[in-house]
Amino acid sequence: MKFLIAAALAGFAFDAATAQELGDGKAEYMKSCALCHGPEGRGDGPLGDELLKPPSDLTRLSRRNGGEFPYWRVFAVIDGRAMVPEHGDRDMPVWGQQFLPGDVKKYGPNAGEIVTRERIHDLAGYLETLQQ
């Protein structure tokens, strides 16, 4: 299953011009999240049916949190590196671990960590714009 997701993600890349056109958060979302969560965040991506647990509808995060977008909780779930294993397995990749090696290779260890965190901030910020 993880191989299938990794292979699909590798084939779902955007070129730099497309990324600039979309904006960082949306481009990152389309590259990293849309296969499972769908292009509009409704949990209806093409790989969603392959998962044991259906992907969340990301357009309803604020509604499920009393009308307030849970920014830091969303950030923590996307990053995943600080999640407690006792809280159960997750189908979603630990994006902090997925992003970091490439960012470290490109920018160095300290800057790589900063870039990884910024990518996750961009994703969380974009998800906030999807709220209904």
N, C-alpha and C. Protein backbone atom coordinates (compact mmCIF):
# COMPACT_ATOMS: atom_id res chain seq x y z
N MET A 1 0.83 -1.19 0.00
CA MET A 1 0.00 0.00 0.00
C MET A 1 0.87 1.26 0.00
N LYS A 2 1.88 1.28 0.89
CA LYS A 2 2.74 2.47 0.95
C LYS A 2 3.51 2.64 -0.36
N PHE A 3 3.89 1.52 -0.98
CA PHE A 3 4.57 1.60 -2.27
C PHE A 3 3.65 2.20 -3.32
N LEU A 4 2.37 1.79 -3.31
CA LEU A 4 1.40 2.31 -4.27
C LEU A 4 1.25 3.82 -4.10
N ILE A 5 1.14 4.27 -2.88
CA ILE A 5 1.00 5.70 -2.61
C ILE A 5 2.25 6.45 -3.04
N ALA A 6 3.42 5.89 -2.70
CA ALA A 6 4.68 6.55 -3.08
C ALA A 6 4.82 6.64 -4.60
N ALA A 7 4.46 5.57 -5.28
CA ALA A 7 4.55 5.58 -6.74
C ALA A 7 3.59 6.60 -7.34
N ALA A 8 2.40 6.66 -6.81
CA ALA A 8 1.42 7.63 -7.32
C ALA A 8 1.88 9.05 -7.06
N LEU A 9 2.44 9.30 -5.88
CA LEU A 9 2.93 10.64 -5.56
C LEU A 9 4.06 11.04 -6.50
N ALA A 10 4.92 10.10 -6.82
CA ALA A 10 6.04 10.41 -7.72
C ALA A 10 5.54 10.82 -9.09
N GLY A 11 4.45 10.24 -9.53
CA GLY A 11 3.92 10.58 -10.84
C GLY A 11 2.99 11.77 -10.86
N PHE A 12 2.76 12.38 -9.71
CA PHE A 12 1.79 13.47 -9.59
C PHE A 12 2.49 14.80 -9.36
N ALA A 13 3.68 14.95 -9.91
CA ALA A 13 4.47 16.16 -9.68
C ALA A 13 4.07 17.27 -10.65
N PHE A 14 4.26 18.50 -10.20
CA PHE A 14 4.01 19.68 -11.03
C PHE A 14 5.34 20.29 -11.43
N ASP A 15 5.37 20.99 -12.55
CA ASP A 15 6.58 21.71 -12.90
C ASP A 15 6.62 23.04 -12.15
N ALA A 16 7.76 23.70 -12.18
CA ALA A 16 7.94 24.94 -11.42
C ALA A 16 6.98 26.03 -11.85
N ALA A 17 6.69 26.14 -13.13
CA ALA A 17 5.76 27.18 -13.61
C ALA A 17 4.37 26.95 -13.04
N THR A 18 3.93 25.71 -13.01
CA THR A 18 2.62 25.39 -12.45
C THR A 18 2.59 25.72 -10.96
N ALA A 19 3.65 25.37 -10.26
CA ALA A 19 3.71 25.64 -8.82
C ALA A 19 3.61 27.14 -8.55
N GLN A 20 4.31 27.96 -9.34
CA GLN A 20 4.24 29.41 -9.18
C GLN A 20 2.83 29.91 -9.43
N GLU A 21 2.19 29.36 -10.45
CA GLU A 21 0.84 29.77 -10.82
C GLU A 21 -0.16 29.49 -9.69
N LEU A 22 -0.03 28.34 -9.05
CA LEU A 22 -0.98 27.93 -8.04
C LEU A 22 -0.75 28.60 -6.69
N GLY A 23 0.46 28.96 -6.38
CA GLY A 23 0.79 29.44 -5.04
C GLY A 23 1.33 28.26 -4.24
N ASP A 24 2.20 28.53 -3.31
CA ASP A 24 2.92 27.46 -2.63
C ASP A 24 2.01 26.46 -1.91
N GLY A 25 1.05 26.93 -1.13
CA GLY A 25 0.18 26.02 -0.38
C GLY A 25 -0.66 25.14 -1.28
N LYS A 26 -1.25 25.72 -2.29
CA LYS A 26 -2.10 24.93 -3.19
C LYS A 26 -1.25 23.96 -4.01
N ALA A 27 -0.11 24.41 -4.50
CA ALA A 27 0.77 23.52 -5.27
C ALA A 27 1.22 22.35 -4.41
N GLU A 28 1.61 22.63 -3.17
CA GLU A 28 2.04 21.56 -2.27
C GLU A 28 0.88 20.60 -1.99
N TYR A 29 -0.30 21.15 -1.79
CA TYR A 29 -1.48 20.32 -1.57
C TYR A 29 -1.73 19.40 -2.77
N MET A 30 -1.71 19.97 -3.97
CA MET A 30 -1.98 19.18 -5.17
C MET A 30 -0.92 18.09 -5.36
N LYS A 31 0.30 18.39 -4.99
CA LYS A 31 1.39 17.43 -5.14
C LYS A 31 1.36 16.36 -4.05
N SER A 32 1.04 16.73 -2.83
CA SER A 32 1.20 15.82 -1.70
C SER A 32 -0.08 15.25 -1.11
N CYS A 33 -1.21 15.91 -1.31
CA CYS A 33 -2.43 15.54 -0.58
C CYS A 33 -3.61 15.14 -1.46
N ALA A 34 -3.69 15.70 -2.65
CA ALA A 34 -4.89 15.55 -3.48
C ALA A 34 -5.17 14.12 -3.90
N LEU A 35 -4.14 13.28 -4.00
CA LEU A 35 -4.38 11.90 -4.41
C LEU A 35 -5.31 11.18 -3.44
N CYS A 36 -5.23 11.52 -2.18
CA CYS A 36 -6.10 10.88 -1.18
C CYS A 36 -7.29 11.77 -0.82
N HIS A 37 -7.03 13.04 -0.56
CA HIS A 37 -8.07 13.94 -0.08
C HIS A 37 -8.88 14.59 -1.19
N GLY A 38 -8.46 14.43 -2.43
CA GLY A 38 -9.19 15.01 -3.56
C GLY A 38 -8.74 16.42 -3.85
N PRO A 39 -8.94 16.87 -5.09
CA PRO A 39 -8.46 18.20 -5.48
C PRO A 39 -9.11 19.35 -4.72
N GLU A 40 -10.30 19.14 -4.20
CA GLU A 40 -10.99 20.19 -3.44
C GLU A 40 -11.02 19.89 -1.95
N GLY A 41 -10.33 18.83 -1.50
CA GLY A 41 -10.21 18.51 -0.09
C GLY A 41 -11.39 17.79 0.52
N ARG A 42 -12.25 17.22 -0.29
CA ARG A 42 -13.47 16.59 0.23
C ARG A 42 -13.30 15.12 0.61
N GLY A 43 -12.07 14.59 0.53
CA GLY A 43 -11.83 13.20 0.90
C GLY A 43 -12.13 12.23 -0.22
N ASP A 44 -12.20 12.72 -1.45
CA ASP A 44 -12.61 11.88 -2.57
C ASP A 44 -11.52 11.72 -3.62
N GLY A 45 -10.27 11.66 -3.19
CA GLY A 45 -9.16 11.48 -4.12
C GLY A 45 -9.13 10.08 -4.70
N PRO A 46 -8.44 9.89 -5.81
CA PRO A 46 -8.42 8.60 -6.49
C PRO A 46 -7.81 7.46 -5.68
N LEU A 47 -6.94 7.74 -4.72
CA LEU A 47 -6.38 6.67 -3.89
C LEU A 47 -7.17 6.47 -2.59
N GLY A 48 -8.15 7.29 -2.34
CA GLY A 48 -8.91 7.21 -1.09
C GLY A 48 -9.53 5.85 -0.84
N ASP A 49 -10.02 5.21 -1.88
CA ASP A 49 -10.66 3.90 -1.73
C ASP A 49 -9.66 2.80 -1.39
N GLU A 50 -8.39 3.05 -1.60
CA GLU A 50 -7.36 2.05 -1.33
C GLU A 50 -6.94 2.03 0.14
N LEU A 51 -7.34 3.03 0.89
CA LEU A 51 -6.91 3.15 2.28
C LEU A 51 -7.86 2.41 3.21
N LEU A 52 -7.34 1.96 4.35
CA LEU A 52 -8.17 1.27 5.34
C LEU A 52 -9.19 2.21 5.95
N LYS A 53 -8.77 3.44 6.20
CA LYS A 53 -9.65 4.47 6.76
C LYS A 53 -9.82 5.55 5.70
N PRO A 54 -11.05 5.92 5.37
CA PRO A 54 -11.25 6.94 4.33
C PRO A 54 -10.59 8.26 4.70
N PRO A 55 -10.04 8.97 3.72
CA PRO A 55 -9.42 10.28 4.01
C PRO A 55 -10.47 11.27 4.52
N SER A 56 -10.04 12.16 5.37
CA SER A 56 -10.93 13.17 5.94
C SER A 56 -11.38 14.17 4.89
N ASP A 57 -12.58 14.71 5.10
CA ASP A 57 -13.06 15.84 4.32
C ASP A 57 -12.43 17.07 4.97
N LEU A 58 -11.44 17.63 4.32
CA LEU A 58 -10.67 18.74 4.89
C LEU A 58 -11.39 20.07 4.80
N THR A 59 -12.54 20.10 4.16
CA THR A 59 -13.30 21.35 4.06
C THR A 59 -14.15 21.59 5.30
N ARG A 60 -14.20 20.64 6.19
CA ARG A 60 -15.07 20.73 7.37
C ARG A 60 -14.31 20.78 8.70
N LEU A 61 -13.03 21.06 8.64
CA LEU A 61 -12.23 21.09 9.86
C LEU A 61 -12.70 22.18 10.82
N SER A 62 -13.00 23.35 10.30
CA SER A 62 -13.49 24.44 11.16
C SER A 62 -14.85 24.10 11.74
N ARG A 63 -15.72 23.59 10.92
CA ARG A 63 -17.08 23.24 11.37
C ARG A 63 -17.01 22.24 12.52
N ARG A 64 -16.11 21.26 12.41
CA ARG A 64 -15.99 20.25 13.46
C ARG A 64 -15.27 20.77 14.69
N ASN A 65 -14.75 22.00 14.60
CA ASN A 65 -14.03 22.61 15.72
C ASN A 65 -14.72 23.88 16.20
N GLY A 66 -16.05 23.87 16.20
CA GLY A 66 -16.81 25.00 16.71
C GLY A 66 -16.68 26.26 15.88
N GLY A 67 -16.38 26.13 14.59
CA GLY A 67 -16.29 27.28 13.71
C GLY A 67 -14.91 27.92 13.63
N GLU A 68 -13.95 27.40 14.37
CA GLU A 68 -12.60 27.96 14.35
C GLU A 68 -11.64 26.95 13.73
N PHE A 69 -10.83 27.41 12.79
CA PHE A 69 -9.88 26.52 12.14
C PHE A 69 -8.80 26.11 13.13
N PRO A 70 -8.59 24.81 13.35
CA PRO A 70 -7.61 24.34 14.33
C PRO A 70 -6.20 24.30 13.75
N TYR A 71 -5.65 25.47 13.47
CA TYR A 71 -4.39 25.59 12.72
C TYR A 71 -3.29 24.71 13.28
N TRP A 72 -3.01 24.82 14.56
CA TRP A 72 -1.86 24.10 15.12
C TRP A 72 -2.09 22.60 15.18
N ARG A 73 -3.32 22.18 15.36
CA ARG A 73 -3.61 20.75 15.32
C ARG A 73 -3.41 20.23 13.90
N VAL A 74 -3.88 20.99 12.90
CA VAL A 74 -3.69 20.62 11.50
C VAL A 74 -2.20 20.56 11.18
N PHE A 75 -1.44 21.57 11.61
CA PHE A 75 0.00 21.58 11.39
C PHE A 75 0.63 20.31 11.97
N ALA A 76 0.27 19.97 13.21
CA ALA A 76 0.86 18.81 13.87
C ALA A 76 0.51 17.51 13.15
N VAL A 77 -0.71 17.40 12.67
CA VAL A 77 -1.12 16.17 11.96
C VAL A 77 -0.36 16.06 10.64
N ILE A 78 -0.24 17.15 9.90
CA ILE A 78 0.50 17.10 8.64
C ILE A 78 1.96 16.74 8.91
N ASP A 79 2.59 17.45 9.84
CA ASP A 79 3.99 17.20 10.16
C ASP A 79 4.17 15.76 10.63
N GLY A 80 3.38 15.35 11.61
CA GLY A 80 3.37 13.98 12.08
C GLY A 80 4.54 13.52 12.90
N ARG A 81 5.61 14.28 12.94
CA ARG A 81 6.80 13.82 13.65
C ARG A 81 6.63 13.84 15.16
N ALA A 82 5.71 14.64 15.67
CA ALA A 82 5.51 14.72 17.11
C ALA A 82 4.29 13.91 17.56
N MET A 83 3.69 13.18 16.64
CA MET A 83 2.50 12.40 17.01
C MET A 83 2.91 11.24 17.91
N VAL A 84 2.05 10.89 18.85
CA VAL A 84 2.32 9.83 19.81
C VAL A 84 1.88 8.50 19.21
N PRO A 85 2.81 7.53 19.06
CA PRO A 85 2.44 6.25 18.45
C PRO A 85 1.31 5.52 19.18
N GLU A 86 1.16 5.76 20.47
CA GLU A 86 0.10 5.11 21.24
C GLU A 86 -1.29 5.56 20.80
N HIS A 87 -1.37 6.64 20.03
CA HIS A 87 -2.66 7.12 19.56
C HIS A 87 -3.13 6.38 18.31
N GLY A 88 -2.38 5.37 17.92
CA GLY A 88 -2.79 4.52 16.80
C GLY A 88 -2.02 4.80 15.53
N ASP A 89 -2.16 3.86 14.61
CA ASP A 89 -1.50 3.99 13.31
C ASP A 89 -2.20 5.04 12.48
N ARG A 90 -1.49 5.54 11.49
CA ARG A 90 -2.07 6.52 10.59
C ARG A 90 -1.78 6.07 9.16
N ASP A 91 -2.78 6.20 8.32
CA ASP A 91 -2.58 5.90 6.91
C ASP A 91 -1.83 7.04 6.23
N MET A 92 -2.04 8.25 6.70
CA MET A 92 -1.44 9.43 6.09
C MET A 92 0.07 9.42 6.33
N PRO A 93 0.85 9.73 5.30
CA PRO A 93 2.31 9.81 5.51
C PRO A 93 2.67 10.86 6.55
N VAL A 94 3.80 10.65 7.19
CA VAL A 94 4.36 11.63 8.12
C VAL A 94 5.12 12.60 7.23
N TRP A 95 4.43 13.68 6.82
CA TRP A 95 5.01 14.58 5.82
C TRP A 95 6.26 15.27 6.30
N GLY A 96 6.39 15.51 7.59
CA GLY A 96 7.63 16.10 8.10
C GLY A 96 8.82 15.21 7.76
N GLN A 97 8.67 13.90 7.90
CA GLN A 97 9.73 12.96 7.55
C GLN A 97 9.89 12.82 6.04
N GLN A 98 8.79 12.94 5.30
CA GLN A 98 8.85 12.82 3.85
C GLN A 98 9.56 14.02 3.23
N PHE A 99 9.27 15.21 3.71
CA PHE A 99 9.84 16.43 3.14
C PHE A 99 11.30 16.64 3.53
N LEU A 100 11.64 16.32 4.78
CA LEU A 100 12.93 16.71 5.35
C LEU A 100 14.16 16.23 4.58
N PRO A 101 14.27 14.96 4.19
CA PRO A 101 15.51 14.54 3.51
C PRO A 101 15.82 15.35 2.25
N GLY A 102 14.83 15.59 1.41
CA GLY A 102 15.06 16.37 0.20
C GLY A 102 15.39 17.82 0.51
N ASP A 103 14.71 18.37 1.51
CA ASP A 103 14.97 19.76 1.89
C ASP A 103 16.37 19.91 2.49
N VAL A 104 16.80 18.93 3.29
CA VAL A 104 18.14 18.96 3.87
C VAL A 104 19.18 18.82 2.77
N LYS A 105 18.93 17.93 1.83
CA LYS A 105 19.88 17.75 0.73
C LYS A 105 20.03 19.03 -0.09
N LYS A 106 18.92 19.71 -0.31
CA LYS A 106 18.95 20.92 -1.14
C LYS A 106 19.45 22.15 -0.38
N TYR A 107 19.07 22.29 0.91
CA TYR A 107 19.33 23.53 1.64
C TYR A 107 20.28 23.38 2.83
N GLY A 108 20.67 22.16 3.18
CA GLY A 108 21.50 21.93 4.35
C GLY A 108 20.64 21.61 5.56
N PRO A 109 21.25 21.08 6.64
CA PRO A 109 20.45 20.59 7.78
C PRO A 109 19.59 21.64 8.47
N ASN A 110 20.16 22.80 8.78
CA ASN A 110 19.37 23.81 9.50
C ASN A 110 18.32 24.44 8.60
N ALA A 111 18.74 24.87 7.44
CA ALA A 111 17.79 25.49 6.51
C ALA A 111 16.78 24.47 6.01
N GLY A 112 17.19 23.22 5.87
CA GLY A 112 16.27 22.17 5.42
C GLY A 112 15.11 22.01 6.39
N GLU A 113 15.39 22.04 7.68
CA GLU A 113 14.33 21.94 8.69
C GLU A 113 13.40 23.14 8.59
N ILE A 114 13.95 24.31 8.38
CA ILE A 114 13.14 25.53 8.24
C ILE A 114 12.24 25.42 7.02
N VAL A 115 12.78 24.96 5.90
CA VAL A 115 12.00 24.82 4.67
C VAL A 115 10.90 23.78 4.86
N THR A 116 11.21 22.67 5.52
CA THR A 116 10.20 21.65 5.79
C THR A 116 9.05 22.24 6.60
N ARG A 117 9.37 22.96 7.66
CA ARG A 117 8.33 23.58 8.48
C ARG A 117 7.51 24.58 7.67
N GLU A 118 8.17 25.33 6.80
CA GLU A 118 7.46 26.31 5.97
C GLU A 118 6.51 25.62 4.99
N ARG A 119 6.92 24.51 4.44
CA ARG A 119 6.04 23.76 3.54
C ARG A 119 4.79 23.29 4.28
N ILE A 120 4.97 22.88 5.51
CA ILE A 120 3.82 22.42 6.31
C ILE A 120 2.94 23.62 6.67
N HIS A 121 3.54 24.76 7.00
CA HIS A 121 2.75 25.98 7.24
C HIS A 121 1.95 26.34 5.99
N ASP A 122 2.58 26.25 4.82
CA ASP A 122 1.88 26.56 3.57
C ASP A 122 0.68 25.64 3.38
N LEU A 123 0.86 24.35 3.67
CA LEU A 123 -0.25 23.41 3.55
C LEU A 123 -1.38 23.74 4.52
N ALA A 124 -1.02 23.98 5.78
CA ALA A 124 -2.04 24.30 6.78
C ALA A 124 -2.78 25.58 6.40
N GLY A 125 -2.05 26.57 5.94
CA GLY A 125 -2.68 27.82 5.51
C GLY A 125 -3.61 27.61 4.33
N TYR A 126 -3.22 26.78 3.39
CA TYR A 126 -4.09 26.49 2.25
C TYR A 126 -5.35 25.76 2.70
N LEU A 127 -5.20 24.81 3.61
CA LEU A 127 -6.38 24.09 4.10
C LEU A 127 -7.36 25.02 4.77
N GLU A 128 -6.84 26.05 5.42
CA GLU A 128 -7.74 27.04 6.04
C GLU A 128 -8.61 27.72 4.98
N THR A 129 -8.08 27.92 3.79
CA THR A 129 -8.85 28.57 2.72
C THR A 129 -9.95 27.66 2.17
N LEU A 130 -9.87 26.37 2.41
CA LEU A 130 -10.85 25.41 1.88
C LEU A 130 -12.08 25.28 2.78
N GLN A 131 -12.07 25.90 3.93
CA GLN A 131 -13.14 25.70 4.90
C GLN A 131 -14.47 26.24 4.38
N GLN A 132 -15.52 25.48 4.67
CA GLN A 132 -16.88 25.87 4.26
C GLN A 132 -17.72 26.21 5.48
